[in-house]
Amino acid sequence: YRLRQDLGRFPPGFAPRQIACFALGTALLVIAL
């Protein structure tokens, strides 16, 4: 939220793809543990 608020957009190197990877990785940790 702060990255988007300060820059007004998703900057190069940190985009919805990174958010999706983090969300999926966290969901798999929940399933595993």
PDB file of all heavy atoms in Angstrom:
ATOM      1  N   TYR A   1       0.827  -1.207   0.000  1.00  0.00           N
ATOM      2  CA  TYR A   1       0.000   0.000   0.000  1.00  0.00           C
ATOM      3  C   TYR A   1       0.864   1.262   0.000  1.00  0.00           C
ATOM      4  O   TYR A   1       0.606   2.212  -0.748  1.00  0.00           O
ATOM      5  CB  TYR A   1      -0.921  -0.008   1.224  1.00  0.00           C
ATOM      6  CG  TYR A   1      -1.680   1.278   1.421  1.00  0.00           C
ATOM      7  CD1 TYR A   1      -2.794   1.577   0.639  1.00  0.00           C
ATOM      8  CD2 TYR A   1      -1.274   2.209   2.396  1.00  0.00           C
ATOM      9  CE1 TYR A   1      -3.487   2.763   0.820  1.00  0.00           C
ATOM     10  CE2 TYR A   1      -1.965   3.388   2.574  1.00  0.00           C
ATOM     11  CZ  TYR A   1      -3.060   3.667   1.786  1.00  0.00           C
ATOM     12  OH  TYR A   1      -3.749   4.841   1.959  1.00  0.00           O
ATOM     13  N   ARG A   2       1.921   1.275   0.803  1.00  0.00           N
ATOM     14  CA  ARG A   2       2.780   2.451   0.866  1.00  0.00           C
ATOM     15  C   ARG A   2       3.582   2.641  -0.417  1.00  0.00           C
ATOM     16  O   ARG A   2       3.799   3.771  -0.864  1.00  0.00           O
ATOM     17  CB  ARG A   2       3.717   2.356   2.068  1.00  0.00           C
ATOM     18  CG  ARG A   2       3.011   2.491   3.404  1.00  0.00           C
ATOM     19  CD  ARG A   2       3.989   2.822   4.500  1.00  0.00           C
ATOM     20  NE  ARG A   2       4.647   4.100   4.245  1.00  0.00           N
ATOM     21  CZ  ARG A   2       5.599   4.610   5.029  1.00  0.00           C
ATOM     22  NH1 ARG A   2       6.003   3.927   6.076  1.00  0.00           N
ATOM     23  NH2 ARG A   2       6.147   5.767   4.750  1.00  0.00           N
ATOM     24  N   LEU A   3       4.038   1.541  -1.015  1.00  0.00           N
ATOM     25  CA  LEU A   3       4.734   1.650  -2.294  1.00  0.00           C
ATOM     26  C   LEU A   3       3.823   2.273  -3.351  1.00  0.00           C
ATOM     27  O   LEU A   3       4.228   3.175  -4.095  1.00  0.00           O
ATOM     28  CB  LEU A   3       5.191   0.266  -2.758  1.00  0.00           C
ATOM     29  CG  LEU A   3       6.505  -0.263  -2.195  1.00  0.00           C
ATOM     30  CD1 LEU A   3       6.675  -1.735  -2.561  1.00  0.00           C
ATOM     31  CD2 LEU A   3       7.680   0.549  -2.722  1.00  0.00           C
ATOM     32  N   ARG A   4       2.591   1.792  -3.428  1.00  0.00           N
ATOM     33  CA  ARG A   4       1.641   2.313  -4.414  1.00  0.00           C
ATOM     34  C   ARG A   4       1.268   3.762  -4.111  1.00  0.00           C
ATOM     35  O   ARG A   4       1.142   4.598  -5.016  1.00  0.00           O
ATOM     36  CB  ARG A   4       0.398   1.433  -4.424  1.00  0.00           C
ATOM     37  CG  ARG A   4      -0.613   1.808  -5.505  1.00  0.00           C
ATOM     38  CD  ARG A   4      -0.042   1.578  -6.883  1.00  0.00           C
ATOM     39  NE  ARG A   4      -0.979   1.982  -7.918  1.00  0.00           N
ATOM     40  CZ  ARG A   4      -1.877   1.170  -8.481  1.00  0.00           C
ATOM     41  NH1 ARG A   4      -1.944  -0.092  -8.085  1.00  0.00           N
ATOM     42  NH2 ARG A   4      -2.683   1.593  -9.411  1.00  0.00           N
ATOM     43  N   GLN A   5       1.137   4.067  -2.826  1.00  0.00           N
ATOM     44  CA  GLN A   5       0.750   5.423  -2.441  1.00  0.00           C
ATOM     45  C   GLN A   5       1.870   6.421  -2.710  1.00  0.00           C
ATOM     46  O   GLN A   5       1.620   7.522  -3.221  1.00  0.00           O
ATOM     47  CB  GLN A   5       0.366   5.448  -0.956  1.00  0.00           C
ATOM     48  CG  GLN A   5      -0.185   6.782  -0.475  1.00  0.00           C
ATOM     49  CD  GLN A   5      -0.549   6.734   0.989  1.00  0.00           C
ATOM     50  OE1 GLN A   5       0.251   6.280   1.814  1.00  0.00           O
ATOM     51  NE2 GLN A   5      -1.736   7.183   1.336  1.00  0.00           N
ATOM     52  N   ASP A   6       3.105   6.049  -2.393  1.00  0.00           N
ATOM     53  CA  ASP A   6       4.222   6.975  -2.553  1.00  0.00           C
ATOM     54  C   ASP A   6       4.605   7.172  -4.016  1.00  0.00           C
ATOM     55  O   ASP A   6       4.986   8.273  -4.425  1.00  0.00           O
ATOM     56  CB  ASP A   6       5.444   6.479  -1.772  1.00  0.00           C
ATOM     57  CG  ASP A   6       5.237   6.559  -0.265  1.00  0.00           C
ATOM     58  OD1 ASP A   6       4.207   7.134   0.150  1.00  0.00           O
ATOM     59  OD2 ASP A   6       6.076   6.036   0.473  1.00  0.00           O
ATOM     60  N   LEU A   7       4.530   6.100  -4.813  1.00  0.00           N
ATOM     61  CA  LEU A   7       4.973   6.178  -6.206  1.00  0.00           C
ATOM     62  C   LEU A   7       3.834   6.386  -7.193  1.00  0.00           C
ATOM     63  O   LEU A   7       4.079   6.734  -8.348  1.00  0.00           O
ATOM     64  CB  LEU A   7       5.749   4.906  -6.586  1.00  0.00           C
ATOM     65  CG  LEU A   7       7.006   4.617  -5.758  1.00  0.00           C
ATOM     66  CD1 LEU A   7       7.640   3.311  -6.210  1.00  0.00           C
ATOM     67  CD2 LEU A   7       8.016   5.758  -5.874  1.00  0.00           C
ATOM     68  N   GLY A   8       2.605   6.139  -6.756  1.00  0.00           N
ATOM     69  CA  GLY A   8       1.461   6.324  -7.639  1.00  0.00           C
ATOM     70  C   GLY A   8       1.225   5.172  -8.601  1.00  0.00           C
ATOM     71  O   GLY A   8       0.273   5.219  -9.387  1.00  0.00           O
ATOM     72  N   ARG A   9       2.050   4.157  -8.568  1.00  0.00           N
ATOM     73  CA  ARG A   9       1.929   3.007  -9.462  1.00  0.00           C
ATOM     74  C   ARG A   9       2.806   1.892  -8.905  1.00  0.00           C
ATOM     75  O   ARG A   9       3.587   2.113  -7.987  1.00  0.00           O
ATOM     76  CB  ARG A   9       2.394   3.357 -10.873  1.00  0.00           C
ATOM     77  CG  ARG A   9       3.826   3.874 -10.907  1.00  0.00           C
ATOM     78  CD  ARG A   9       4.283   4.246 -12.304  1.00  0.00           C
ATOM     79  NE  ARG A   9       5.599   4.855 -12.298  1.00  0.00           N
ATOM     80  CZ  ARG A   9       6.745   4.180 -12.261  1.00  0.00           C
ATOM     81  NH1 ARG A   9       6.695   2.855 -12.233  1.00  0.00           N
ATOM     82  NH2 ARG A   9       7.904   4.786 -12.247  1.00  0.00           N
ATOM     83  N   PHE A  10       2.673   0.703  -9.489  1.00  0.00           N
ATOM     84  CA  PHE A  10       3.593  -0.367  -9.131  1.00  0.00           C
ATOM     85  C   PHE A  10       4.900  -0.156  -9.877  1.00  0.00           C
ATOM     86  O   PHE A  10       4.914  -0.087 -11.108  1.00  0.00           O
ATOM     87  CB  PHE A  10       3.015  -1.737  -9.488  1.00  0.00           C
ATOM     88  CG  PHE A  10       1.944  -2.203  -8.559  1.00  0.00           C
ATOM     89  CD1 PHE A  10       0.653  -2.391  -9.016  1.00  0.00           C
ATOM     90  CD2 PHE A  10       2.231  -2.450  -7.228  1.00  0.00           C
ATOM     91  CE1 PHE A  10      -0.340  -2.824  -8.158  1.00  0.00           C
ATOM     92  CE2 PHE A  10       1.241  -2.879  -6.358  1.00  0.00           C
ATOM     93  CZ  PHE A  10      -0.047  -3.066  -6.824  1.00  0.00           C
ATOM     94  N   PRO A  11       6.008  -0.033  -9.177  1.00  0.00           N
ATOM     95  CA  PRO A  11       7.284   0.255  -9.842  1.00  0.00           C
ATOM     96  C   PRO A  11       7.856  -0.975 -10.524  1.00  0.00           C
ATOM     97  O   PRO A  11       7.459  -2.110 -10.231  1.00  0.00           O
ATOM     98  CB  PRO A  11       8.180   0.692  -8.674  1.00  0.00           C
ATOM     99  CG  PRO A  11       7.637  -0.054  -7.503  1.00  0.00           C
ATOM    100  CD  PRO A  11       6.146  -0.151  -7.719  1.00  0.00           C
ATOM    101  N   PRO A  12       8.794  -0.802 -11.441  1.00  0.00           N
ATOM    102  CA  PRO A  12       9.461  -1.953 -12.070  1.00  0.00           C
ATOM    103  C   PRO A  12      10.155  -2.812 -11.008  1.00  0.00           C
ATOM    104  O   PRO A  12      10.787  -2.296 -10.087  1.00  0.00           O
ATOM    105  CB  PRO A  12      10.480  -1.298 -13.011  1.00  0.00           C
ATOM    106  CG  PRO A  12       9.945   0.072 -13.263  1.00  0.00           C
ATOM    107  CD  PRO A  12       9.237   0.485 -11.997  1.00  0.00           C
ATOM    108  N   GLY A  13      10.032  -4.100 -11.136  1.00  0.00           N
ATOM    109  CA  GLY A  13      10.653  -5.015 -10.188  1.00  0.00           C
ATOM    110  C   GLY A  13       9.750  -5.403  -9.042  1.00  0.00           C
ATOM    111  O   GLY A  13      10.072  -6.325  -8.288  1.00  0.00           O
ATOM    112  N   PHE A  14       8.627  -4.734  -8.905  1.00  0.00           N
ATOM    113  CA  PHE A  14       7.679  -5.104  -7.849  1.00  0.00           C
ATOM    114  C   PHE A  14       6.280  -4.799  -8.379  1.00  0.00           C
ATOM    115  O   PHE A  14       5.825  -3.670  -8.344  1.00  0.00           O
ATOM    116  CB  PHE A  14       7.956  -4.336  -6.558  1.00  0.00           C
ATOM    117  CG  PHE A  14       7.256  -4.928  -5.366  1.00  0.00           C
ATOM    118  CD1 PHE A  14       7.856  -5.938  -4.638  1.00  0.00           C
ATOM    119  CD2 PHE A  14       5.999  -4.500  -4.994  1.00  0.00           C
ATOM    120  CE1 PHE A  14       7.215  -6.505  -3.549  1.00  0.00           C
ATOM    121  CE2 PHE A  14       5.349  -5.049  -3.902  1.00  0.00           C
ATOM    122  CZ  PHE A  14       5.958  -6.052  -3.174  1.00  0.00           C
ATOM    123  N   ALA A  15       5.627  -5.832  -8.892  1.00  0.00           N
ATOM    124  CA  ALA A  15       4.361  -5.674  -9.593  1.00  0.00           C
ATOM    125  C   ALA A  15       3.362  -6.704  -9.065  1.00  0.00           C
ATOM    126  O   ALA A  15       3.672  -7.456  -8.139  1.00  0.00           O
ATOM    127  CB  ALA A  15       4.597  -5.845 -11.098  1.00  0.00           C
ATOM    128  N   PRO A  16       2.163  -6.753  -9.630  1.00  0.00           N
ATOM    129  CA  PRO A  16       1.190  -7.777  -9.189  1.00  0.00           C
ATOM    130  C   PRO A  16       1.721  -9.203  -9.249  1.00  0.00           C
ATOM    131  O   PRO A  16       1.271 -10.056  -8.485  1.00  0.00           O
ATOM    132  CB  PRO A  16       0.023  -7.564 -10.164  1.00  0.00           C
ATOM    133  CG  PRO A  16       0.082  -6.117 -10.499  1.00  0.00           C
ATOM    134  CD  PRO A  16       1.542  -5.775 -10.536  1.00  0.00           C
ATOM    135  N   ARG A  17       2.680  -9.471 -10.142  1.00  0.00           N
ATOM    136  CA  ARG A  17       3.248 -10.823 -10.191  1.00  0.00           C
ATOM    137  C   ARG A  17       3.949 -11.176  -8.888  1.00  0.00           C
ATOM    138  O   ARG A  17       3.827 -12.308  -8.391  1.00  0.00           O
ATOM    139  CB  ARG A  17       4.226 -10.933 -11.359  1.00  0.00           C
ATOM    140  CG  ARG A  17       4.829 -12.313 -11.515  1.00  0.00           C
ATOM    141  CD  ARG A  17       5.664 -12.395 -12.777  1.00  0.00           C
ATOM    142  NE  ARG A  17       6.772 -11.445 -12.750  1.00  0.00           N
ATOM    143  CZ  ARG A  17       7.649 -11.316 -13.744  1.00  0.00           C
ATOM    144  NH1 ARG A  17       7.508 -12.036 -14.846  1.00  0.00           N
ATOM    145  NH2 ARG A  17       8.629 -10.442 -13.654  1.00  0.00           N
ATOM    146  N   GLN A  18       4.697 -10.234  -8.305  1.00  0.00           N
ATOM    147  CA  GLN A  18       5.363 -10.490  -7.032  1.00  0.00           C
ATOM    148  C   GLN A  18       4.343 -10.678  -5.906  1.00  0.00           C
ATOM    149  O   GLN A  18       4.523 -11.529  -5.028  1.00  0.00           O
ATOM    150  CB  GLN A  18       6.310  -9.335  -6.696  1.00  0.00           C
ATOM    151  CG  GLN A  18       7.661  -9.406  -7.359  1.00  0.00           C
ATOM    152  CD  GLN A  18       7.586  -9.180  -8.860  1.00  0.00           C
ATOM    153  OE1 GLN A  18       6.844  -8.317  -9.311  1.00  0.00           O
ATOM    154  NE2 GLN A  18       8.362  -9.935  -9.620  1.00  0.00           N
ATOM    155  N   ILE A  19       3.276  -9.895  -5.945  1.00  0.00           N
ATOM    156  CA  ILE A  19       2.237 -10.031  -4.918  1.00  0.00           C
ATOM    157  C   ILE A  19       1.583 -11.405  -5.004  1.00  0.00           C
ATOM    158  O   ILE A  19       1.330 -12.057  -3.986  1.00  0.00           O
ATOM    159  CB  ILE A  19       1.197  -8.904  -5.076  1.00  0.00           C
ATOM    160  CG1 ILE A  19       1.863  -7.534  -4.903  1.00  0.00           C
ATOM    161  CG2 ILE A  19       0.058  -9.075  -4.075  1.00  0.00           C
ATOM    162  CD1 ILE A  19       0.945  -6.373  -5.201  1.00  0.00           C
ATOM    163  N   ALA A  20       1.326 -11.866  -6.226  1.00  0.00           N
ATOM    164  CA  ALA A  20       0.714 -13.177  -6.412  1.00  0.00           C
ATOM    165  C   ALA A  20       1.645 -14.295  -5.935  1.00  0.00           C
ATOM    166  O   ALA A  20       1.192 -15.270  -5.317  1.00  0.00           O
ATOM    167  CB  ALA A  20       0.348 -13.380  -7.880  1.00  0.00           C
ATOM    168  N   CYS A  21       2.948 -14.169  -6.207  1.00  0.00           N
ATOM    169  CA  CYS A  21       3.901 -15.188  -5.751  1.00  0.00           C
ATOM    170  C   CYS A  21       3.938 -15.265  -4.230  1.00  0.00           C
ATOM    171  O   CYS A  21       3.946 -16.359  -3.651  1.00  0.00           O
ATOM    172  CB  CYS A  21       5.298 -14.876  -6.299  1.00  0.00           C
ATOM    173  SG  CYS A  21       5.508 -15.231  -8.058  1.00  0.00           S
ATOM    174  N   PHE A  22       3.954 -14.104  -3.577  1.00  0.00           N
ATOM    175  CA  PHE A  22       3.969 -14.100  -2.115  1.00  0.00           C
ATOM    176  C   PHE A  22       2.689 -14.711  -1.554  1.00  0.00           C
ATOM    177  O   PHE A  22       2.727 -15.507  -0.603  1.00  0.00           O
ATOM    178  CB  PHE A  22       4.153 -12.679  -1.588  1.00  0.00           C
ATOM    179  CG  PHE A  22       4.114 -12.580  -0.088  1.00  0.00           C
ATOM    180  CD1 PHE A  22       5.236 -12.867   0.667  1.00  0.00           C
ATOM    181  CD2 PHE A  22       2.943 -12.213   0.570  1.00  0.00           C
ATOM    182  CE1 PHE A  22       5.207 -12.794   2.052  1.00  0.00           C
ATOM    183  CE2 PHE A  22       2.905 -12.127   1.956  1.00  0.00           C
ATOM    184  CZ  PHE A  22       4.035 -12.416   2.694  1.00  0.00           C
ATOM    185  N   ALA A  23       1.543 -14.350  -2.132  1.00  0.00           N
ATOM    186  CA  ALA A  23       0.269 -14.875  -1.642  1.00  0.00           C
ATOM    187  C   ALA A  23       0.201 -16.389  -1.815  1.00  0.00           C
ATOM    188  O   ALA A  23      -0.230 -17.114  -0.904  1.00  0.00           O
ATOM    189  CB  ALA A  23      -0.887 -14.206  -2.372  1.00  0.00           C
ATOM    190  N   LEU A  24       0.644 -16.887  -2.970  1.00  0.00           N
ATOM    191  CA  LEU A  24       0.606 -18.323  -3.208  1.00  0.00           C
ATOM    192  C   LEU A  24       1.583 -19.059  -2.303  1.00  0.00           C
ATOM    193  O   LEU A  24       1.263 -20.123  -1.753  1.00  0.00           O
ATOM    194  CB  LEU A  24       0.927 -18.612  -4.676  1.00  0.00           C
ATOM    195  CG  LEU A  24       0.881 -20.077  -5.121  1.00  0.00           C
ATOM    196  CD1 LEU A  24      -0.478 -20.694  -4.817  1.00  0.00           C
ATOM    197  CD2 LEU A  24       1.204 -20.196  -6.602  1.00  0.00           C
ATOM    198  N   GLY A  25       2.778 -18.505  -2.117  1.00  0.00           N
ATOM    199  CA  GLY A  25       3.742 -19.131  -1.223  1.00  0.00           C
ATOM    200  C   GLY A  25       3.240 -19.200   0.208  1.00  0.00           C
ATOM    201  O   GLY A  25       3.414 -20.222   0.892  1.00  0.00           O
ATOM    202  N   THR A  26       2.598 -18.130   0.673  1.00  0.00           N
ATOM    203  CA  THR A  26       2.053 -18.124   2.026  1.00  0.00           C
ATOM    204  C   THR A  26       0.915 -19.127   2.160  1.00  0.00           C
ATOM    205  O   THR A  26       0.808 -19.833   3.178  1.00  0.00           O
ATOM    206  CB  THR A  26       1.552 -16.717   2.377  1.00  0.00           C
ATOM    207  OG1 THR A  26       2.634 -15.772   2.244  1.00  0.00           O
ATOM    208  CG2 THR A  26       1.041 -16.665   3.806  1.00  0.00           C
ATOM    209  N   ALA A  27       0.052 -19.207   1.148  1.00  0.00           N
ATOM    210  CA  ALA A  27      -1.051 -20.172   1.187  1.00  0.00           C
ATOM    211  C   ALA A  27      -0.520 -21.606   1.254  1.00  0.00           C
ATOM    212  O   ALA A  27      -1.075 -22.454   1.971  1.00  0.00           O
ATOM    213  CB  ALA A  27      -1.944 -19.989  -0.036  1.00  0.00           C
ATOM    214  N   LEU A  28       0.557 -21.887   0.542  1.00  0.00           N
ATOM    215  CA  LEU A  28       1.139 -23.232   0.584  1.00  0.00           C
ATOM    216  C   LEU A  28       1.749 -23.539   1.948  1.00  0.00           C
ATOM    217  O   LEU A  28       1.723 -24.687   2.405  1.00  0.00           O
ATOM    218  CB  LEU A  28       2.192 -23.372  -0.512  1.00  0.00           C
ATOM    219  CG  LEU A  28       1.641 -23.401  -1.944  1.00  0.00           C
ATOM    220  CD1 LEU A  28       2.773 -23.389  -2.958  1.00  0.00           C
ATOM    221  CD2 LEU A  28       0.749 -24.618  -2.157  1.00  0.00           C
ATOM    222  N   LEU A  29       2.299 -22.518   2.614  1.00  0.00           N
ATOM    223  CA  LEU A  29       2.795 -22.727   3.976  1.00  0.00           C
ATOM    224  C   LEU A  29       1.650 -23.071   4.925  1.00  0.00           C
ATOM    225  O   LEU A  29       1.797 -23.917   5.819  1.00  0.00           O
ATOM    226  CB  LEU A  29       3.525 -21.475   4.462  1.00  0.00           C
ATOM    227  CG  LEU A  29       4.900 -21.206   3.877  1.00  0.00           C
ATOM    228  CD1 LEU A  29       5.494 -19.944   4.487  1.00  0.00           C
ATOM    229  CD2 LEU A  29       5.847 -22.378   4.091  1.00  0.00           C
ATOM    230  N   VAL A  30       0.514 -22.406   4.750  1.00  0.00           N
ATOM    231  CA  VAL A  30      -0.658 -22.720   5.577  1.00  0.00           C
ATOM    232  C   VAL A  30      -1.095 -24.164   5.344  1.00  0.00           C
ATOM    233  O   VAL A  30      -1.391 -24.909   6.290  1.00  0.00           O
ATOM    234  CB  VAL A  30      -1.806 -21.737   5.264  1.00  0.00           C
ATOM    235  CG1 VAL A  30      -3.092 -22.173   5.954  1.00  0.00           C
ATOM    236  CG2 VAL A  30      -1.436 -20.327   5.709  1.00  0.00           C
ATOM    237  N   ILE A  31      -1.121 -24.587   4.082  1.00  0.00           N
ATOM    238  CA  ILE A  31      -1.507 -25.967   3.774  1.00  0.00           C
ATOM    239  C   ILE A  31      -0.513 -26.956   4.372  1.00  0.00           C
ATOM    240  O   ILE A  31      -0.892 -27.994   4.926  1.00  0.00           O
ATOM    241  CB  ILE A  31      -1.607 -26.152   2.248  1.00  0.00           C
ATOM    242  CG1 ILE A  31      -2.771 -25.321   1.693  1.00  0.00           C
ATOM    243  CG2 ILE A  31      -1.779 -27.626   1.887  1.00  0.00           C
ATOM    244  CD1 ILE A  31      -2.849 -25.314   0.183  1.00  0.00           C
ATOM    245  N   ALA A  32       0.772 -26.635   4.289  1.00  0.00           N
ATOM    246  CA  ALA A  32       1.792 -27.566   4.773  1.00  0.00           C
ATOM    247  C   ALA A  32       1.817 -27.673   6.288  1.00  0.00           C
ATOM    248  O   ALA A  32       2.066 -28.760   6.827  1.00  0.00           O
ATOM    249  CB  ALA A  32       3.161 -27.130   4.261  1.00  0.00           C
ATOM    250  N   LEU A  33       1.546 -26.575   6.998  1.00  0.00           N
ATOM    251  CA  LEU A  33       1.800 -26.539   8.434  1.00  0.00           C
ATOM    252  C   LEU A  33       0.545 -26.473   9.304  1.00  0.00           C
ATOM    253  O   LEU A  33       0.619 -26.801  10.492  1.00  0.00           O
ATOM    254  CB  LEU A  33       2.693 -25.336   8.762  1.00  0.00           C
ATOM    255  CG  LEU A  33       4.073 -25.359   8.100  1.00  0.00           C
ATOM    256  CD1 LEU A  33       4.809 -24.056   8.384  1.00  0.00           C
ATOM    257  CD2 LEU A  33       4.889 -26.544   8.576  1.00  0.00           C
TER     258      LEU A  33
END
